[in-house]
Protein backbone atom coordinates (compact mmCIF):
# COMPACT_ATOMS: atom_id res chain seq x y z
CA MET A 1 -122.99 22.66 -60.69
CA ALA A 2 -121.77 25.19 -63.24
CA VAL A 3 -122.12 28.88 -62.43
CA ARG A 4 -123.49 30.96 -65.30
CA LYS A 5 -121.80 34.28 -65.96
CA GLY A 6 -123.52 35.75 -68.98
CA SER A 7 -123.06 33.16 -71.69
CA THR A 8 -120.03 31.58 -70.01
CA LEU A 9 -120.31 28.59 -67.68
CA VAL A 10 -117.69 28.37 -64.92
CA LEU A 11 -117.37 24.75 -63.79
CA GLU A 12 -117.29 24.22 -60.03
CA THR A 13 -116.25 20.56 -60.09
CA THR A 14 -113.63 21.28 -62.78
CA PRO A 15 -113.53 18.01 -64.76
CA ARG A 16 -109.97 16.88 -65.37
CA VAL A 17 -108.06 15.41 -68.28
CA ILE A 18 -107.29 11.76 -67.59
CA SER A 19 -105.51 11.02 -70.85
CA TYR A 20 -105.36 11.90 -74.53
CA GLY A 21 -104.10 10.61 -77.86
CA ALA A 22 -102.88 12.35 -81.01
CA VAL A 23 -102.60 10.58 -84.37
CA GLY A 24 -101.38 11.99 -87.68
CA SER A 25 -99.98 11.09 -91.07
CA LYS A 26 -97.03 11.91 -93.33
CA LYS A 27 -97.48 15.67 -93.66
CA GLU A 28 -97.98 16.04 -89.91
CA SER A 29 -94.79 14.02 -89.34
CA GLU A 30 -92.93 16.68 -91.34
CA GLY A 31 -94.31 19.57 -89.28
CA PRO A 32 -92.95 21.33 -86.18
CA LEU A 33 -95.22 19.43 -83.73
CA ALA A 34 -94.35 15.92 -84.96
CA ALA A 35 -92.57 14.89 -81.76
CA GLY A 36 -95.75 15.36 -79.72
CA PHE A 37 -97.87 12.86 -81.66
CA ASP A 38 -98.48 9.44 -80.17
CA GLN A 39 -98.69 7.79 -83.60
CA LEU A 40 -97.74 8.96 -87.09
CA PHE A 41 -98.55 6.91 -90.17
CA PRO A 42 -96.06 6.97 -93.08
CA ASP A 43 -98.74 7.70 -95.70
CA SER A 44 -102.31 8.98 -95.94
CA THR A 45 -103.89 5.62 -96.75
CA LEU A 46 -103.14 4.26 -93.25
CA GLY A 47 -103.21 0.85 -94.93
CA GLU A 48 -106.90 1.18 -95.82
CA GLU A 49 -108.72 0.86 -99.17
CA THR A 50 -110.41 4.30 -99.20
CA TRP A 51 -109.78 7.77 -97.78
CA GLU A 52 -112.93 7.51 -95.69
CA LYS A 53 -111.81 4.24 -94.13
CA ALA A 54 -108.43 5.82 -93.45
CA GLU A 55 -110.11 8.63 -91.53
CA CYS A 56 -112.14 6.12 -89.50
CA ARG A 57 -108.83 4.48 -88.60
CA LEU A 58 -107.55 7.80 -87.26
CA GLN A 59 -110.32 8.00 -84.66
CA LYS A 60 -110.06 4.32 -83.82
CA GLU A 61 -106.36 4.69 -83.06
CA ALA A 62 -106.73 7.98 -81.16
CA ILE A 63 -109.31 6.63 -78.71
CA ARG A 64 -107.36 3.37 -78.33
CA ILE A 65 -104.24 5.29 -77.38
CA ALA A 66 -106.10 7.56 -74.95
CA MET A 67 -107.77 4.58 -73.27
CA GLU A 68 -104.49 2.67 -72.97
CA LYS A 69 -102.62 5.68 -71.56
CA GLY A 70 -105.38 6.35 -69.04
CA LYS A 71 -106.03 2.68 -68.26
CA VAL A 72 -109.69 3.25 -69.08
CA GLU A 73 -111.91 0.33 -70.08
CA PRO A 74 -114.83 0.78 -72.54
CA GLU A 75 -117.43 0.14 -69.83
CA GLN A 76 -115.97 3.00 -67.80
CA LEU A 77 -116.76 5.53 -70.55
CA HIS A 78 -120.22 6.84 -69.84
CA CYS A 79 -120.38 8.77 -73.13
CA LEU A 80 -118.38 9.43 -76.30
CA PHE A 81 -118.88 12.89 -77.82
CA ALA A 82 -117.48 12.79 -81.35
CA GLY A 83 -117.83 14.25 -84.81
CA ASP A 84 -116.00 14.96 -88.05
CA LEU A 85 -116.40 16.74 -91.39
CA LEU A 86 -117.91 13.94 -93.44
CA ASN A 87 -121.60 13.44 -94.14
CA GLN A 88 -123.50 11.80 -91.28
CA CYS A 89 -120.35 11.90 -89.09
CA THR A 90 -119.03 8.91 -91.03
CA SER A 91 -115.57 8.78 -89.45
CA SER A 92 -116.86 8.96 -85.90
CA ILE A 93 -119.59 6.36 -86.30
CA TYR A 94 -117.53 3.79 -88.17
CA GLY A 95 -114.33 4.56 -86.31
CA LEU A 96 -115.82 4.26 -82.82
CA ARG A 97 -118.48 1.58 -83.31
CA GLU A 98 -116.29 -1.11 -81.75
CA VAL A 99 -115.73 0.84 -78.51
CA GLY A 100 -119.26 0.01 -77.38
CA ALA A 101 -119.72 3.09 -75.17
CA PRO A 102 -122.78 5.39 -75.33
CA PHE A 103 -122.30 7.74 -78.28
CA VAL A 104 -123.41 11.28 -79.14
CA GLY A 105 -122.59 12.47 -82.66
CA LEU A 106 -121.75 16.16 -83.10
CA TYR A 107 -121.20 18.49 -86.01
CA GLY A 108 -119.41 21.77 -85.49
CA ALA A 109 -117.17 21.61 -88.56
CA CYS A 110 -113.61 22.46 -87.52
CA SER A 111 -114.83 23.61 -84.09
CA THR A 112 -115.83 20.03 -83.20
CA MET A 113 -112.91 19.36 -80.82
CA ALA A 114 -113.92 22.27 -78.61
CA GLU A 115 -117.60 21.44 -79.04
CA SER A 116 -117.07 17.85 -77.92
CA LEU A 117 -114.96 19.00 -74.97
CA VAL A 118 -117.71 21.44 -73.98
CA MET A 119 -120.32 18.68 -74.06
CA ALA A 120 -118.16 16.13 -72.24
CA SER A 121 -117.29 18.67 -69.54
CA LEU A 122 -120.90 19.69 -68.99
CA PHE A 123 -121.96 16.03 -68.97
CA LEU A 124 -119.58 15.37 -66.07
CA GLU A 125 -120.33 18.67 -64.34
CA GLY A 126 -124.02 17.80 -64.36
CA GLY A 127 -123.36 14.51 -62.61
CA PHE A 128 -124.40 12.33 -65.54
CA GLY A 129 -121.27 10.20 -65.55
CA GLU A 130 -117.77 9.67 -64.17
CA LYS A 131 -115.78 9.54 -67.42
CA ALA A 132 -116.46 10.89 -70.92
CA ALA A 133 -114.43 11.25 -74.10
CA ALA A 134 -114.17 13.95 -76.77
CA ILE A 135 -112.91 12.85 -80.19
CA THR A 136 -112.69 14.21 -83.71
CA SER A 137 -110.72 13.84 -86.92
CA SER A 138 -110.20 15.05 -90.47
CA HIS A 139 -108.41 13.74 -93.55
CA PHE A 140 -107.10 15.88 -96.39
CA CYS A 141 -108.22 13.54 -99.16
CA SER A 142 -111.71 12.75 -97.84
CA ALA A 143 -112.35 16.44 -97.14
CA GLU A 144 -111.22 17.50 -100.61
CA ARG A 145 -113.53 14.95 -102.20
CA GLN A 146 -116.54 16.14 -100.19
CA PHE A 147 -116.04 19.90 -100.02
CA ARG A 148 -113.99 20.83 -103.08
CA PHE A 149 -112.74 18.54 -105.85
CA PRO A 150 -111.34 14.99 -105.88
CA LEU A 151 -107.54 14.98 -105.96
CA GLU A 152 -107.58 13.61 -109.51
CA TYR A 153 -109.03 16.93 -110.67
CA GLY A 154 -105.72 18.67 -109.97
CA GLY A 155 -107.27 22.02 -109.06
CA GLN A 156 -105.09 25.02 -108.24
CA ARG A 157 -104.99 26.15 -104.59
CA THR A 158 -105.51 29.83 -103.80
CA PRO A 159 -103.28 31.80 -101.37
CA THR A 160 -106.15 31.99 -98.86
CA SER A 161 -106.82 28.24 -98.90
CA GLN A 162 -105.78 25.95 -96.06
CA TRP A 163 -104.54 22.36 -95.94
CA THR A 164 -106.85 19.92 -94.17
CA VAL A 165 -104.94 18.07 -91.47
CA THR A 166 -104.92 14.27 -91.67
CA GLY A 167 -105.14 13.66 -87.96
CA SER A 168 -107.23 12.92 -84.91
CA GLY A 169 -107.31 13.83 -81.26
CA ALA A 170 -109.08 12.07 -78.38
CA VAL A 171 -109.38 13.38 -74.81
CA ILE A 172 -110.80 11.43 -71.87
CA LEU A 173 -112.18 13.52 -69.01
CA GLY A 174 -113.08 12.39 -65.53
CA LYS A 175 -113.69 13.48 -61.96
CA GLU A 176 -110.09 13.03 -60.90
CA ILE A 177 -108.21 14.65 -58.02
CA ARG A 178 -105.38 15.88 -60.21
CA GLY A 179 -104.81 16.71 -63.85
CA VAL A 180 -105.37 19.52 -66.32
CA LYS A 181 -108.63 21.23 -65.35
CA VAL A 182 -111.54 22.38 -67.48
CA CYS A 183 -112.39 25.60 -65.66
CA GLY A 184 -115.12 26.93 -67.92
CA VAL A 185 -116.72 26.97 -71.34
CA THR A 186 -118.31 29.52 -73.65
CA ILE A 187 -120.59 28.10 -76.32
CA GLY A 188 -120.29 29.85 -79.67
CA ARG A 189 -122.92 31.80 -81.57
CA ILE A 190 -123.42 31.54 -85.32
CA ARG A 191 -121.84 34.54 -87.02
CA ASP A 192 -122.09 35.25 -90.74
CA MET A 193 -120.33 38.19 -92.37
CA GLY A 194 -121.31 37.21 -95.91
CA VAL A 195 -118.13 35.38 -96.99
CA THR A 196 -118.95 33.08 -99.93
CA ASP A 197 -115.46 31.88 -100.91
CA ALA A 198 -115.07 28.23 -99.85
CA ASN A 199 -111.31 28.68 -100.21
CA ASN A 200 -111.20 31.39 -97.54
CA MET A 201 -112.37 29.65 -94.38
CA GLY A 202 -110.29 31.90 -92.12
CA ALA A 203 -112.25 35.00 -93.11
CA ALA A 204 -115.56 33.20 -92.56
CA MET A 205 -114.62 32.01 -89.05
CA ALA A 206 -112.73 35.01 -87.63
CA PRO A 207 -115.86 37.02 -86.63
CA ALA A 208 -117.16 34.08 -84.60
CA ALA A 209 -113.83 33.72 -82.78
CA ALA A 210 -113.85 37.43 -81.93
CA ASP A 211 -117.45 37.22 -80.67
CA THR A 212 -116.75 34.25 -78.40
CA LEU A 213 -113.57 35.72 -76.94
CA GLU A 214 -115.19 39.10 -76.27
CA ARG A 215 -118.09 37.42 -74.51
CA PHE A 216 -115.74 35.32 -72.38
CA PHE A 217 -113.67 38.32 -71.30
CA GLY A 218 -116.79 40.37 -70.62
CA ASP A 219 -118.51 37.58 -68.69
CA THR A 220 -115.59 36.61 -66.47
CA GLY A 221 -113.71 39.89 -66.08
CA ARG A 222 -110.55 38.11 -67.19
CA LYS A 223 -107.95 39.87 -69.33
CA PRO A 224 -105.97 38.39 -72.25
CA ALA A 225 -102.74 38.99 -70.34
CA GLU A 226 -103.84 36.45 -67.69
CA PHE A 227 -103.45 33.61 -70.21
CA ASP A 228 -100.21 32.05 -71.37
CA LEU A 229 -101.82 31.00 -74.65
CA ILE A 230 -105.02 31.89 -76.47
CA ALA A 231 -105.17 29.22 -79.17
CA THR A 232 -107.78 29.66 -81.86
CA GLY A 233 -108.84 26.82 -84.11
CA ASP A 234 -107.82 26.81 -87.71
CA LEU A 235 -108.12 30.44 -88.73
CA GLY A 236 -104.80 30.22 -90.51
CA LYS A 237 -102.87 33.34 -91.47
CA VAL A 238 -105.77 35.25 -93.05
CA GLY A 239 -108.26 34.57 -90.30
CA SER A 240 -105.74 35.21 -87.51
CA ASP A 241 -104.89 38.63 -88.90
CA LEU A 242 -108.58 39.48 -89.18
CA LEU A 243 -109.26 38.29 -85.62
CA LEU A 244 -106.52 40.44 -84.14
CA GLU A 245 -107.68 43.44 -86.16
CA VAL A 246 -111.30 43.09 -85.00
CA LEU A 247 -110.35 42.63 -81.35
CA GLU A 248 -107.93 45.58 -81.43
CA LYS A 249 -110.73 47.82 -82.72
CA ASP A 250 -112.94 46.62 -79.86
CA GLY A 251 -110.27 47.32 -77.25
CA TRP A 252 -108.90 43.81 -76.73
CA SER A 253 -105.22 43.14 -77.44
CA LEU A 254 -103.99 39.54 -77.73
CA SER A 255 -100.43 40.67 -78.31
CA GLY A 256 -97.95 37.98 -77.34
CA ARG A 257 -100.73 35.61 -76.24
CA HIS A 258 -102.39 34.44 -79.44
CA ASN A 259 -101.46 31.59 -81.73
CA ASP A 260 -103.52 29.58 -84.16
CA CYS A 261 -103.58 25.79 -84.45
CA GLY A 262 -103.55 26.13 -88.24
CA LEU A 263 -100.27 28.04 -88.02
CA MET A 264 -98.68 25.79 -85.39
CA ILE A 265 -99.07 22.37 -86.98
CA TYR A 266 -97.30 23.07 -90.29
CA ASP A 267 -94.31 25.09 -91.47
CA ARG A 268 -95.91 27.38 -94.05
CA GLU A 269 -92.60 28.29 -95.63
CA ARG A 270 -91.48 24.71 -96.16
CA GLN A 271 -94.66 22.66 -96.51
CA GLN A 272 -96.68 24.65 -99.08
CA VAL A 273 -99.92 24.77 -97.13
CA GLU A 274 -100.85 28.28 -98.26
CA ALA A 275 -102.59 30.03 -95.32
CA GLY A 276 -102.03 27.12 -92.89
CA GLY A 277 -103.76 24.00 -91.62
CA SER A 278 -107.49 23.34 -91.20
CA GLY A 279 -110.00 20.56 -90.54
CA CYS A 280 -111.40 19.00 -87.36
CA GLY A 281 -108.13 17.18 -86.85
CA CYS A 282 -106.14 20.42 -86.85
CA SER A 283 -107.13 21.85 -83.47
CA ALA A 284 -107.61 18.32 -82.08
CA SER A 285 -104.06 17.33 -83.01
CA VAL A 286 -102.51 20.53 -81.69
CA LEU A 287 -104.45 20.21 -78.44
CA CYS A 288 -103.39 16.61 -77.84
CA ALA A 289 -99.86 16.76 -79.26
CA HIS A 290 -98.81 20.15 -77.91
CA ILE A 291 -101.15 22.11 -75.62
CA LEU A 292 -102.15 19.41 -73.12
CA PRO A 293 -98.58 18.07 -72.76
CA ALA A 294 -97.35 21.64 -72.15
CA LEU A 295 -100.01 22.13 -69.48
CA GLU A 296 -99.03 18.85 -67.82
CA ARG A 297 -95.37 19.85 -67.80
CA GLY A 298 -96.19 23.25 -66.34
CA GLU A 299 -94.85 25.11 -69.38
CA LEU A 300 -98.33 26.55 -69.80
CA LYS A 301 -100.59 27.29 -66.83
CA ASN A 302 -103.67 29.06 -68.18
CA VAL A 303 -104.98 28.48 -71.71
CA LEU A 304 -108.01 29.40 -73.78
CA PHE A 305 -108.69 26.80 -76.47
CA VAL A 306 -111.04 28.34 -79.06
CA ALA A 307 -111.72 25.98 -81.96
CA THR A 308 -113.45 27.59 -84.93
CA GLY A 309 -115.71 26.10 -87.57
CA ALA A 310 -117.12 27.10 -90.95
CA LEU A 311 -120.64 25.67 -90.91
CA MET A 312 -120.92 25.36 -94.65
CA SER A 313 -123.14 23.03 -96.63
CA THR A 314 -121.62 22.10 -99.96
CA THR A 315 -125.05 22.14 -101.59
CA VAL A 316 -126.16 25.51 -100.24
CA VAL A 317 -122.79 27.20 -100.85
CA GLN A 318 -122.94 26.07 -104.49
CA GLN A 319 -126.31 27.81 -104.63
CA GLY A 320 -124.63 31.09 -103.69
CA GLU A 321 -125.25 31.16 -99.93
CA SER A 322 -122.66 32.56 -97.52
CA ILE A 323 -120.64 30.58 -94.97
CA PRO A 324 -121.65 30.91 -91.30
CA GLY A 325 -118.93 30.55 -88.68
CA ILE A 326 -118.85 29.45 -85.05
CA ALA A 327 -116.26 29.24 -82.26
CA HIS A 328 -116.50 27.34 -78.98
CA LEU A 329 -114.18 28.17 -76.06
CA VAL A 330 -112.73 25.84 -73.42
CA TRP A 331 -110.74 27.31 -70.51
CA LEU A 332 -107.95 24.94 -69.46
CA ALA A 333 -105.62 25.28 -66.49
CA ALA A 334 -102.65 23.33 -65.17
CA ASP A 335 -102.81 21.73 -61.74
CA PRO A 336 -102.06 23.73 -59.70
CA ALA A 337 -103.25 26.70 -61.79
């Protein structure tokens, strides 16, 4: 069973990564991590009639790839933990309905990849199953329609805005002898510093990332220097700078260890994504196309994956409310660590 250290759970059975799949679209194929994707579609429609159906296709392909790579049959999956940005977890429900495995829908905004990994890991740690999957996705066009303006509106993008990744990541965990290990998790707390600008998600999420990291270090006694990579979710340039500033003031330096998924997936100079990438599919894609392969190859040995989410409601934000943030942490280690 997991050992509680403050608000961090250290996993004794250390669930392992069996397989994973990363799917993206045209913009992701033009970014620096393109070679790590399992499948890249030439355009954002993915051959579907609507943006929402295209996003469902992302999850459908990601789990298919992960299952094929891991030689996992649907009946072997004791639970799917999945979510996305759309109302009622549309992409997850419609994208995964044909898998036929038990399903738990989650909403953590852009933190959903870490949230689903946390839940899948604890599910296995508790002895409730032998294999479980964590899946999420996002799509630039469906997200713009729901959270901002339809593309036809032609609105101007601000320098603090971020580009929603059209991508999906799926990870299958199991009680294997070998493989990348999930060593521990820290569940995020809701943090709200009063940010009301829906085009500045990084500023809204940075305080939550700082809170989760500080709790993890305090709970475990670990130091940032012990990790090869501390990868936050999609804070982008603005949020990453704020995170480092807050942690420095509190005595924690991530110098040389930190990178952000929103800064890794695109080339900001060449791809015109303003402050970087965002969306559920951002951290999911980077995890499955870059971080997990690097852990398997031994290029990385000890990683903190800290996906961040802006828990905004379009209705309430339009009424003048602020944007709460959250960040969930998953501690990953190569085998042997």
